PDB file of N, CA and C in Angstrom:
ATOM      1  N   MET A   1     -20.435 -79.628  -7.285  1.00  0.00           N
ATOM      2  CA  MET A   1     -21.248 -78.589  -7.171  1.00  0.00           C
ATOM      3  C   MET A   1     -22.687 -78.790  -6.541  1.00  0.00           C
ATOM      4  N   GLU A   2     -23.271 -80.011  -6.661  1.00  0.00           N
ATOM      5  CA  GLU A   2     -24.464 -79.920  -5.666  1.00  0.00           C
ATOM      6  C   GLU A   2     -24.438 -79.694  -4.057  1.00  0.00           C
ATOM      7  N   ASN A   3     -23.661 -79.799  -3.498  1.00  0.00           N
ATOM      8  CA  ASN A   3     -23.454 -79.239  -2.169  1.00  0.00           C
ATOM      9  C   ASN A   3     -22.709 -77.836  -2.065  1.00  0.00           C
ATOM     10  N   GLN A   4     -22.921 -77.190  -3.263  1.00  0.00           N
ATOM     11  CA  GLN A   4     -22.366 -75.490  -2.972  1.00  0.00           C
ATOM     12  C   GLN A   4     -23.332 -74.739  -2.127  1.00  0.00           C
ATOM     13  N   ASN A   5     -23.182 -73.941  -1.232  1.00  0.00           N
ATOM     14  CA  ASN A   5     -24.207 -73.186  -0.605  1.00  0.00           C
ATOM     15  C   ASN A   5     -24.418 -71.837  -1.381  1.00  0.00           C
ATOM     16  N   ARG A   6     -25.768 -72.140  -1.923  1.00  0.00           N
ATOM     17  CA  ARG A   6     -26.210 -70.889  -2.867  1.00  0.00           C
ATOM     18  C   ARG A   6     -26.515 -69.651  -1.998  1.00  0.00           C
ATOM     19  N   ASN A   7     -26.479 -69.519  -0.917  1.00  0.00           N
ATOM     20  CA  ASN A   7     -26.493 -68.141  -0.281  1.00  0.00           C
ATOM     21  C   ASN A   7     -25.229 -67.647   0.120  1.00  0.00           C
ATOM     22  N   ALA A   8     -24.095 -68.242  -0.237  1.00  0.00           N
ATOM     23  CA  ALA A   8     -22.925 -67.856   0.294  1.00  0.00           C
ATOM     24  C   ALA A   8     -22.228 -66.479  -0.816  1.00  0.00           C
ATOM     25  N   TRP A   9     -21.622 -65.699  -0.090  1.00  0.00           N
ATOM     26  CA  TRP A   9     -21.245 -64.659  -0.843  1.00  0.00           C
ATOM     27  C   TRP A   9     -19.961 -64.755  -1.535  1.00  0.00           C
ATOM     28  N   GLN A  10     -19.926 -65.107  -3.015  1.00  0.00           N
ATOM     29  CA  GLN A  10     -18.837 -65.407  -3.711  1.00  0.00           C
ATOM     30  C   GLN A  10     -18.707 -64.569  -4.951  1.00  0.00           C
ATOM     31  N   PHE A  11     -17.705 -64.343  -5.292  1.00  0.00           N
ATOM     32  CA  PHE A  11     -17.382 -63.559  -6.578  1.00  0.00           C
ATOM     33  C   PHE A  11     -17.102 -64.390  -7.691  1.00  0.00           C
ATOM     34  N   GLY A  12     -17.610 -64.083  -9.328  1.00  0.00           N
ATOM     35  CA  GLY A  12     -17.581 -64.940 -10.171  1.00  0.00           C
ATOM     36  C   GLY A  12     -18.764 -65.350 -10.636  1.00  0.00           C
ATOM     37  N   PHE A  13     -18.672 -66.268 -11.738  1.00  0.00           N
ATOM     38  CA  PHE A  13     -19.799 -66.474 -12.091  1.00  0.00           C
ATOM     39  C   PHE A  13     -20.239 -68.031 -11.464  1.00  0.00           C
ATOM     40  N   THR A  14     -21.234 -67.848 -10.206  1.00  0.00           N
ATOM     41  CA  THR A  14     -21.318 -68.761  -9.441  1.00  0.00           C
ATOM     42  C   THR A  14     -22.792 -68.865  -9.181  1.00  0.00           C
ATOM     43  N   ALA A  15     -23.370 -70.243  -8.729  1.00  0.00           N
ATOM     44  CA  ALA A  15     -24.855 -70.122  -8.558  1.00  0.00           C
ATOM     45  C   ALA A  15     -25.418 -68.982  -7.421  1.00  0.00           C
ATOM     46  N   GLY A  16     -24.370 -68.852  -6.156  1.00  0.00           N
ATOM     47  CA  GLY A  16     -24.875 -68.105  -5.386  1.00  0.00           C
ATOM     48  C   GLY A  16     -24.658 -66.355  -5.862  1.00  0.00           C
ATOM     49  N   ALA A  17     -23.644 -66.143  -6.635  1.00  0.00           N
ATOM     50  CA  ALA A  17     -23.891 -65.023  -7.232  1.00  0.00           C
ATOM     51  C   ALA A  17     -24.908 -64.674  -8.146  1.00  0.00           C
ATOM     52  N   GLU A  18     -25.510 -65.704  -8.798  1.00  0.00           N
ATOM     53  CA  GLU A  18     -26.633 -65.428  -9.633  1.00  0.00           C
ATOM     54  C   GLU A  18     -27.925 -65.263  -8.705  1.00  0.00           C
ATOM     55  N   ASN A  19     -28.047 -66.047  -7.583  1.00  0.00           N
ATOM     56  CA  ASN A  19     -29.114 -65.907  -6.573  1.00  0.00           C
ATOM     57  C   ASN A  19     -29.143 -64.303  -6.055  1.00  0.00           C
ATOM     58  N   TRP A  20     -27.975 -63.905  -5.563  1.00  0.00           N
ATOM     59  CA  TRP A  20     -28.012 -62.457  -4.968  1.00  0.00           C
ATOM     60  C   TRP A  20     -28.112 -61.575  -6.207  1.00  0.00           C
ATOM     61  N   ASN A  21     -27.447 -61.801  -7.127  1.00  0.00           N
ATOM     62  CA  ASN A  21     -27.917 -60.645  -8.354  1.00  0.00           C
ATOM     63  C   ASN A  21     -29.582 -60.623  -8.782  1.00  0.00           C
ATOM     64  N   GLY A  22     -30.197 -61.928  -8.689  1.00  0.00           N
ATOM     65  CA  GLY A  22     -31.690 -61.953  -8.824  1.00  0.00           C
ATOM     66  C   GLY A  22     -32.167 -61.094  -7.779  1.00  0.00           C
ATOM     67  N   ARG A  23     -31.910 -61.339  -6.369  1.00  0.00           N
ATOM     68  CA  ARG A  23     -32.434 -60.665  -5.207  1.00  0.00           C
ATOM     69  C   ARG A  23     -32.544 -59.294  -5.256  1.00  0.00           C
ATOM     70  N   LEU A  24     -31.263 -58.778  -5.498  1.00  0.00           N
ATOM     71  CA  LEU A  24     -31.008 -57.398  -5.660  1.00  0.00           C
ATOM     72  C   LEU A  24     -31.769 -56.772  -6.800  1.00  0.00           C
ATOM     73  N   ALA A  25     -31.734 -57.357  -7.981  1.00  0.00           N
ATOM     74  CA  ALA A  25     -32.601 -56.747  -9.006  1.00  0.00           C
ATOM     75  C   ALA A  25     -34.157 -56.528  -8.709  1.00  0.00           C
ATOM     76  N   MET A  26     -34.556 -57.792  -7.874  1.00  0.00           N
ATOM     77  CA  MET A  26     -35.842 -57.658  -7.578  1.00  0.00           C
ATOM     78  C   MET A  26     -36.006 -56.515  -6.787  1.00  0.00           C
ATOM     79  N   ILE A  27     -35.104 -56.149  -5.366  1.00  0.00           N
ATOM     80  CA  ILE A  27     -35.177 -54.936  -4.630  1.00  0.00           C
ATOM     81  C   ILE A  27     -35.454 -53.350  -5.543  1.00  0.00           C
ATOM     82  N   GLY A  28     -34.672 -53.632  -6.320  1.00  0.00           N
ATOM     83  CA  GLY A  28     -34.108 -52.228  -7.465  1.00  0.00           C
ATOM     84  C   GLY A  28     -35.618 -52.165  -7.974  1.00  0.00           C
ATOM     85  N   PHE A  29     -36.157 -53.313  -8.304  1.00  0.00           N
ATOM     86  CA  PHE A  29     -37.491 -52.985  -9.104  1.00  0.00           C
ATOM     87  C   PHE A  29     -38.515 -52.570  -8.362  1.00  0.00           C
ATOM     88  N   ALA A  30     -38.525 -53.212  -7.311  1.00  0.00           N
ATOM     89  CA  ALA A  30     -39.557 -52.907  -6.435  1.00  0.00           C
ATOM     90  C   ALA A  30     -39.601 -51.066  -5.970  1.00  0.00           C
ATOM     91  N   ALA A  31     -38.363 -50.928  -5.784  1.00  0.00           N
ATOM     92  CA  ALA A  31     -38.106 -49.351  -5.138  1.00  0.00           C
ATOM     93  C   ALA A  31     -38.557 -48.731  -6.063  1.00  0.00           C
ATOM     94  N   ALA A  32     -38.361 -48.825  -7.492  1.00  0.00           N
ATOM     95  CA  ALA A  32     -38.609 -48.091  -8.855  1.00  0.00           C
ATOM     96  C   ALA A  32     -40.086 -47.938  -8.597  1.00  0.00           C
ATOM     97  N   LEU A  33     -40.641 -49.082  -8.672  1.00  0.00           N
ATOM     98  CA  LEU A  33     -42.253 -48.923  -8.484  1.00  0.00           C
ATOM     99  C   LEU A  33     -42.766 -48.220  -7.625  1.00  0.00           C
ATOM    100  N   ILE A  34     -42.366 -48.452  -6.391  1.00  0.00           N
ATOM    101  CA  ILE A  34     -42.873 -47.859  -4.971  1.00  0.00           C
ATOM    102  C   ILE A  34     -42.622 -46.099  -5.398  1.00  0.00           C
ATOM    103  N   ILE A  35     -41.428 -45.634  -5.913  1.00  0.00           N
ATOM    104  CA  ILE A  35     -41.043 -44.305  -6.297  1.00  0.00           C
ATOM    105  C   ILE A  35     -42.265 -43.917  -7.169  1.00  0.00           C
ATOM    106  N   GLU A  36     -42.399 -44.657  -8.311  1.00  0.00           N
ATOM    107  CA  GLU A  36     -43.664 -44.086  -9.266  1.00  0.00           C
ATOM    108  C   GLU A  36     -45.099 -44.128  -8.805  1.00  0.00           C
ATOM    109  N   LEU A  37     -45.209 -45.027  -7.619  1.00  0.00           N
ATOM    110  CA  LEU A  37     -46.666 -45.155  -7.293  1.00  0.00           C
ATOM    111  C   LEU A  37     -46.869 -43.821  -6.062  1.00  0.00           C
ATOM    112  N   VAL A  38     -45.681 -43.401  -5.453  1.00  0.00           N
ATOM    113  CA  VAL A  38     -45.820 -42.472  -4.521  1.00  0.00           C
ATOM    114  C   VAL A  38     -45.839 -41.083  -5.136  1.00  0.00           C
ATOM    115  N   SER A  39     -44.849 -40.724  -5.941  1.00  0.00           N
ATOM    116  CA  SER A  39     -44.417 -39.758  -6.408  1.00  0.00           C
ATOM    117  C   SER A  39     -45.221 -39.034  -7.708  1.00  0.00           C
ATOM    118  N   GLY A  40     -45.958 -40.175  -8.587  1.00  0.00           N
ATOM    119  CA  GLY A  40     -46.838 -40.020  -9.639  1.00  0.00           C
ATOM    120  C   GLY A  40     -45.838 -39.521 -10.716  1.00  0.00           C
ATOM    121  N   GLN A  41     -44.592 -39.773 -10.781  1.00  0.00           N
ATOM    122  CA  GLN A  41     -43.671 -39.554 -11.853  1.00  0.00           C
ATOM    123  C   GLN A  41     -42.577 -40.595 -11.862  1.00  0.00           C
ATOM    124  N   GLY A  42     -42.071 -40.655 -13.011  1.00  0.00           N
ATOM    125  CA  GLY A  42     -40.883 -41.929 -13.215  1.00  0.00           C
ATOM    126  C   GLY A  42     -39.800 -41.898 -12.394  1.00  0.00           C
ATOM    127  N   VAL A  43     -38.905 -42.858 -12.347  1.00  0.00           N
ATOM    128  CA  VAL A  43     -37.748 -42.648 -11.293  1.00  0.00           C
ATOM    129  C   VAL A  43     -36.881 -41.641 -12.022  1.00  0.00           C
ATOM    130  N   LEU A  44     -36.757 -41.205 -13.348  1.00  0.00           N
ATOM    131  CA  LEU A  44     -35.628 -40.402 -13.809  1.00  0.00           C
ATOM    132  C   LEU A  44     -36.114 -39.081 -13.711  1.00  0.00           C
ATOM    133  N   HIS A  45     -37.337 -38.677 -13.666  1.00  0.00           N
ATOM    134  CA  HIS A  45     -37.760 -37.362 -13.336  1.00  0.00           C
ATOM    135  C   HIS A  45     -37.874 -37.375 -11.991  1.00  0.00           C
ATOM    136  N   PHE A  46     -37.799 -38.363 -11.267  1.00  0.00           N
ATOM    137  CA  PHE A  46     -37.899 -38.029  -9.596  1.00  0.00           C
ATOM    138  C   PHE A  46     -36.569 -37.628  -9.329  1.00  0.00           C
ATOM    139  N   TRP A  47     -35.568 -38.138 -10.004  1.00  0.00           N
ATOM    140  CA  TRP A  47     -34.252 -37.892  -9.667  1.00  0.00           C
ATOM    141  C   TRP A  47     -33.766 -36.682 -10.649  1.00  0.00           C
ATOM    142  N   GLY A  48     -34.394 -35.954 -11.131  1.00  0.00           N
ATOM    143  CA  GLY A  48     -34.345 -34.572 -11.867  1.00  0.00           C
ATOM    144  C   GLY A  48     -33.356 -35.053 -12.776  1.00  0.00           C
ATOM    145  N   LEU A  49     -33.069 -35.985 -13.656  1.00  0.00           N
ATOM    146  CA  LEU A  49     -32.288 -36.450 -14.915  1.00  0.00           C
ATOM    147  C   LEU A  49     -32.900 -36.249 -15.897  1.00  0.00           C
ATOM    148  N   MET A  50     -34.447 -36.223 -16.220  1.00  0.00           N
ATOM    149  CA  MET A  50     -34.867 -35.919 -17.604  1.00  0.00           C
ATOM    150  C   MET A  50     -35.783 -34.570 -17.264  1.00  0.00           C
TER     151      MET A  50
END
């Protein structure tokens, strides 16, 4: 498993999938933070859900 490409797109519980999950979570968190800073309200209020 040491020679596994960690950037390859694979399904299941693999090291590469965990890397992609972390990257996408960081993008989502940054997007939510930017929405709050720009609009002055929370994400749920911004989308009209609350």
